[in-house]
Amino acid sequence: MLVDTHVHLNAEQYEEDVEEVIERAREVGVEKMVVVGFDTETIERAMELVERYDFLYAVIGWHPVDAIDCTEEDLNWIESLTKHPKVVGIGETGLDYHWDKSPKDVQIELFRKQIRLAKKLDLPIIIHNRDATADVVRILEEEEAHTVGGIMHCFSGSVEIARQCIDMNFMISLGGPVTFKNAKMPKKVATEIELEHLLVETDAPYLTPHPHRGKRNEPFYVTLVAEEIAKLKEITYEEVAEQTTANALKLFRIAD
């Protein structure tokens, strides 16, 4: 059994065949999937999906790239949706300095608000970080995010940063990039960070693992992420599957 802890089954890329995509994943042992909604449209779709499938769960929040579009009404709406028992986290939130749609100060303000919301609701936080590691870590520390913890989604930083995040009660989630031949840092993290701190994800339809790069990603391919971690750690696939699943169920407080 595997848990894909971060997938966008609510994306337009799956409009035509989401049922088949889900079935392919289930056939290879991906028994639970966490669908992430990060704006009005994707949150609404995530909530629809978790109503339809008992093995799907939702994380909802507002993406930093679109921070400039988020209103107080949107945050109040997100808070109201967390009453649903299948909403298991807040996010993805964080900082993205690669794209410049939303100014840094706007992103930071919204990031802080979502951390505070997660703490108010006692839900884990799912962190998006692109080209903003120093500020992400600083803000998590300043906001005392360790009290709820969460996930460093699709982690691409160093072993040292990973350990800093673990010390703040965050899990390290690895996705397709760990399978890329030139991805030295994710491979080093997979090798050196203890399995009890790791999760697996796809971020599908994005970041498709090797050897399928360039194609649409699917939760089916989370098996390739687990296989790569097993190879790097020189342990069995079953060990990776068992421990990362236990980690995910515990973090999201999902009954096995």
Protein backbone atom coordinates (compact mmCIF):
# COMPACT_ATOMS: atom_id res chain seq x y z
CA MET A 1 0.00 0.00 0.00
CA LEU A 2 1.11 3.55 -0.79
CA VAL A 3 -0.30 7.00 -0.06
CA ASP A 4 0.22 9.70 -2.67
CA THR A 5 0.36 12.62 -0.26
CA HIS A 6 0.12 15.37 -2.89
CA VAL A 7 -1.81 15.03 -6.14
CA HIS A 8 -3.90 17.39 -8.24
CA LEU A 9 -6.64 15.07 -9.48
CA ASN A 10 -8.70 18.28 -9.55
CA ALA A 11 -6.57 19.65 -12.42
CA GLU A 12 -8.03 20.23 -15.87
CA GLN A 13 -5.60 17.63 -17.26
CA TYR A 14 -7.83 14.92 -15.73
CA GLU A 15 -11.22 16.28 -16.79
CA GLU A 16 -11.73 13.51 -19.35
CA ASP A 17 -10.45 10.45 -17.49
CA VAL A 18 -10.11 11.01 -13.74
CA GLU A 19 -11.89 7.73 -12.94
CA GLU A 20 -9.44 5.73 -15.06
CA VAL A 21 -6.47 7.58 -13.55
CA ILE A 22 -7.68 6.74 -10.04
CA GLU A 23 -8.31 3.11 -10.97
CA ARG A 24 -4.81 2.69 -12.44
CA ALA A 25 -3.33 3.95 -9.18
CA ARG A 26 -5.50 1.68 -7.06
CA GLU A 27 -4.51 -1.34 -9.13
CA VAL A 28 -0.84 -0.92 -8.16
CA GLY A 29 -1.53 -0.38 -4.45
CA VAL A 30 -1.93 3.39 -4.19
CA GLU A 31 -4.82 3.00 -1.82
CA LYS A 32 -5.16 6.57 -0.58
CA MET A 33 -4.52 9.91 -2.26
CA VAL A 34 -4.53 13.46 -0.90
CA VAL A 35 -5.96 15.96 -3.40
CA VAL A 36 -4.63 19.49 -3.02
CA GLY A 37 -6.77 22.52 -3.84
CA PHE A 38 -5.01 25.88 -4.03
CA ASP A 39 -7.55 28.38 -5.42
CA THR A 40 -11.33 28.66 -5.68
CA GLU A 41 -11.77 26.35 -8.65
CA THR A 42 -9.38 23.61 -7.52
CA ILE A 43 -10.69 23.67 -3.94
CA GLU A 44 -14.27 23.22 -5.17
CA ARG A 45 -13.17 20.32 -7.36
CA ALA A 46 -11.17 18.73 -4.53
CA MET A 47 -14.23 18.80 -2.29
CA GLU A 48 -16.33 17.18 -5.01
CA LEU A 49 -13.78 14.38 -5.43
CA VAL A 50 -13.52 13.54 -1.73
CA GLU A 51 -17.29 13.28 -1.60
CA ARG A 52 -17.26 10.78 -4.46
CA TYR A 53 -14.39 8.53 -3.33
CA ASP A 54 -13.96 7.31 0.23
CA PHE A 55 -10.19 6.82 -0.20
CA LEU A 56 -9.52 10.42 -1.29
CA TYR A 57 -8.77 13.23 1.17
CA ALA A 58 -8.35 16.97 0.68
CA VAL A 59 -5.81 19.61 1.62
CA ILE A 60 -7.02 23.14 0.91
CA GLY A 61 -5.30 26.51 0.94
CA TRP A 62 -4.05 29.26 -1.35
CA HIS A 63 -0.98 29.02 -3.57
CA PRO A 64 1.70 31.69 -3.12
CA VAL A 65 1.91 32.45 -6.85
CA ASP A 66 -1.73 33.60 -6.70
CA ALA A 67 -1.49 35.27 -3.28
CA ILE A 68 -2.44 38.61 -4.77
CA ASP A 69 -5.86 37.20 -5.70
CA CYS A 70 -6.71 35.87 -2.22
CA THR A 71 -9.22 37.82 -0.13
CA GLU A 72 -10.28 37.59 3.50
CA GLU A 73 -13.53 36.09 2.20
CA ASP A 74 -11.52 33.34 0.53
CA LEU A 75 -9.72 32.55 3.79
CA ASN A 76 -13.00 32.50 5.70
CA TRP A 77 -14.43 30.14 3.07
CA ILE A 78 -11.42 27.83 3.39
CA GLU A 79 -11.84 27.83 7.16
CA SER A 80 -15.52 26.91 6.81
CA LEU A 81 -14.67 23.97 4.53
CA THR A 82 -12.27 22.53 7.11
CA LYS A 83 -15.29 21.38 9.09
CA HIS A 84 -15.56 18.59 6.53
CA PRO A 85 -14.03 15.45 8.10
CA LYS A 86 -12.03 14.64 4.96
CA VAL A 87 -10.13 17.94 4.93
CA VAL A 88 -6.84 16.89 6.49
CA GLY A 89 -4.50 19.86 6.05
CA ILE A 90 -3.97 23.49 5.05
CA GLY A 91 -2.06 24.26 1.85
CA GLU A 92 -0.36 24.28 -0.31
CA THR A 93 0.93 27.53 1.04
CA GLY A 94 4.39 29.01 1.25
CA LEU A 95 6.56 31.21 -0.95
CA ASP A 96 7.42 31.16 -4.64
CA TYR A 97 10.06 33.64 -5.75
CA HIS A 98 10.45 32.06 -9.20
CA TRP A 99 7.29 33.67 -10.58
CA ASP A 100 6.58 37.34 -9.99
CA LYS A 101 2.78 37.52 -10.24
CA SER A 102 2.44 38.17 -6.50
CA PRO A 103 4.87 40.52 -4.70
CA LYS A 104 6.98 38.96 -1.96
CA ASP A 105 5.36 40.95 0.82
CA VAL A 106 1.89 39.83 -0.30
CA GLN A 107 3.04 36.20 -0.39
CA ILE A 108 4.60 36.47 3.07
CA GLU A 109 1.49 38.01 4.59
CA LEU A 110 -0.75 35.28 3.17
CA PHE A 111 1.73 32.58 4.23
CA ARG A 112 1.62 33.85 7.82
CA LYS A 113 -2.18 33.98 7.77
CA GLN A 114 -2.43 30.38 6.59
CA ILE A 115 0.04 29.16 9.21
CA ARG A 116 -2.06 30.88 11.87
CA LEU A 117 -5.21 29.34 10.41
CA ALA A 118 -3.65 25.88 10.51
CA LYS A 119 -2.66 26.42 14.14
CA LYS A 120 -6.17 27.63 15.02
CA LEU A 121 -7.66 24.51 13.40
CA ASP A 122 -4.91 22.13 14.59
CA LEU A 123 -4.21 20.93 11.04
CA PRO A 124 -0.84 20.19 9.40
CA ILE A 125 0.52 22.68 6.87
CA ILE A 126 1.66 21.69 3.37
CA ILE A 127 4.53 23.92 2.28
CA HIS A 128 5.33 25.06 -1.25
CA ASN A 129 8.85 26.49 -1.53
CA ARG A 130 10.46 27.67 -4.72
CA ASP A 131 13.64 29.77 -4.57
CA ALA A 132 12.65 31.03 -1.10
CA THR A 133 14.15 28.60 1.41
CA ALA A 134 15.63 31.12 3.84
CA ASP A 135 12.37 33.08 4.14
CA VAL A 136 10.22 29.93 4.35
CA VAL A 137 12.28 28.50 7.22
CA ARG A 138 12.46 31.86 9.01
CA ILE A 139 8.70 32.40 8.84
CA LEU A 140 7.92 28.85 9.99
CA GLU A 141 10.17 29.47 12.99
CA GLU A 142 8.72 32.92 13.73
CA GLU A 143 5.14 31.65 13.52
CA GLU A 144 5.95 28.61 15.69
CA ALA A 145 4.62 26.29 13.02
CA HIS A 146 6.16 23.32 14.86
CA THR A 147 3.05 23.21 17.03
CA VAL A 148 1.14 21.65 14.11
CA GLY A 149 3.95 20.59 11.79
CA GLY A 150 3.26 19.42 8.29
CA ILE A 151 4.98 18.58 5.02
CA MET A 152 7.76 20.13 2.98
CA HIS A 153 6.12 19.32 -0.34
CA CYS A 154 8.31 18.04 -3.19
CA PHE A 155 11.42 18.85 -1.18
CA SER A 156 14.42 19.94 -3.24
CA GLY A 157 16.74 21.37 -0.58
CA SER A 158 19.82 20.05 1.14
CA VAL A 159 20.11 17.42 3.86
CA GLU A 160 20.92 20.23 6.30
CA ILE A 161 17.72 22.14 5.46
CA ALA A 162 15.76 18.89 5.63
CA ARG A 163 17.01 18.28 9.17
CA GLN A 164 16.14 21.85 10.13
CA CYS A 165 12.59 21.26 8.88
CA ILE A 166 12.36 17.91 10.68
CA ASP A 167 13.36 19.69 13.88
CA MET A 168 10.33 21.95 13.29
CA ASN A 169 8.03 18.90 13.13
CA PHE A 170 7.82 18.73 9.32
CA MET A 171 7.95 15.62 7.15
CA ILE A 172 10.07 15.58 4.00
CA SER A 173 8.09 14.58 0.92
CA LEU A 174 9.86 13.36 -2.21
CA GLY A 175 8.34 13.24 -5.67
CA GLY A 176 9.35 12.59 -9.27
CA PRO A 177 12.59 14.62 -9.18
CA VAL A 178 14.23 12.00 -6.93
CA THR A 179 14.20 9.71 -9.98
CA PHE A 180 15.92 12.22 -12.28
CA LYS A 181 19.47 11.17 -13.16
CA ASN A 182 21.02 14.56 -12.36
CA ALA A 183 18.99 15.25 -9.18
CA LYS A 184 21.85 15.06 -6.72
CA MET A 185 20.18 16.82 -3.80
CA PRO A 186 16.89 14.82 -3.71
CA LYS A 187 18.87 11.59 -4.03
CA LYS A 188 21.16 12.62 -1.17
CA VAL A 189 18.13 13.50 0.99
CA ALA A 190 16.49 10.15 0.15
CA THR A 191 19.69 8.35 1.09
CA GLU A 192 20.51 10.16 4.31
CA ILE A 193 17.18 11.16 5.89
CA GLU A 194 15.65 8.41 8.01
CA LEU A 195 12.59 6.71 6.53
CA GLU A 196 10.47 7.72 9.54
CA HIS A 197 10.67 11.33 8.29
CA LEU A 198 9.85 10.68 4.62
CA LEU A 199 6.69 10.73 2.53
CA VAL A 200 6.09 10.02 -1.15
CA GLU A 201 4.05 12.08 -3.60
CA THR A 202 3.60 12.74 -7.31
CA ASP A 203 2.39 16.37 -7.53
CA ALA A 204 0.61 14.95 -10.59
CA PRO A 205 -0.03 16.04 -13.29
CA TYR A 206 3.36 17.76 -12.84
CA LEU A 207 6.92 16.50 -12.22
CA THR A 208 6.55 13.12 -13.91
CA PRO A 209 9.21 10.60 -12.79
CA HIS A 210 11.85 9.06 -15.04
CA PRO A 211 11.43 7.32 -17.49
CA HIS A 212 8.15 9.10 -18.30
CA ARG A 213 9.35 12.72 -18.15
CA GLY A 214 7.48 14.93 -20.59
CA LYS A 215 4.24 12.98 -20.20
CA ARG A 216 1.33 13.74 -17.90
CA ASN A 217 2.05 12.52 -14.38
CA GLU A 218 -0.40 10.25 -12.53
CA PRO A 219 -0.66 8.92 -8.95
CA PHE A 220 0.16 5.51 -10.49
CA TYR A 221 3.75 6.74 -10.81
CA VAL A 222 4.24 7.26 -7.07
CA THR A 223 5.41 3.63 -7.19
CA LEU A 224 8.48 4.81 -9.13
CA VAL A 225 9.29 7.32 -6.38
CA ALA A 226 9.08 4.60 -3.74
CA GLU A 227 11.21 2.27 -5.87
CA GLU A 228 13.92 4.90 -6.24
CA ILE A 229 14.01 5.58 -2.49
CA ALA A 230 14.27 1.84 -1.83
CA LYS A 231 17.16 1.56 -4.30
CA LEU A 232 19.00 4.53 -2.81
CA LYS A 233 18.54 3.26 0.76
CA GLU A 234 19.32 -0.34 -0.25
CA ILE A 235 16.13 -1.62 1.36
CA THR A 236 12.99 -3.25 -0.03
CA TYR A 237 10.16 -1.49 -1.79
CA GLU A 238 7.84 -3.01 0.81
CA GLU A 239 9.76 -1.33 3.64
CA VAL A 240 9.45 2.06 1.94
CA ALA A 241 5.75 1.53 1.24
CA GLU A 242 4.97 0.40 4.76
CA GLN A 243 6.82 3.19 6.57
CA THR A 244 5.83 6.09 4.29
CA THR A 245 2.20 4.95 4.47
CA ALA A 246 2.34 4.80 8.27
CA ASN A 247 3.92 8.27 8.28
CA ALA A 248 1.16 9.70 6.07
CA LEU A 249 -1.71 8.14 8.01
CA LYS A 250 -0.28 9.42 11.28
CA LEU A 251 0.34 12.96 9.99
CA PHE A 252 -3.11 13.32 8.44
CA ARG A 253 -4.82 11.37 11.25
CA ILE A 254 -6.41 8.99 8.77
CA ALA A 255 -7.60 5.64 10.05
CA ASP A 256 -5.90 2.69 8.33
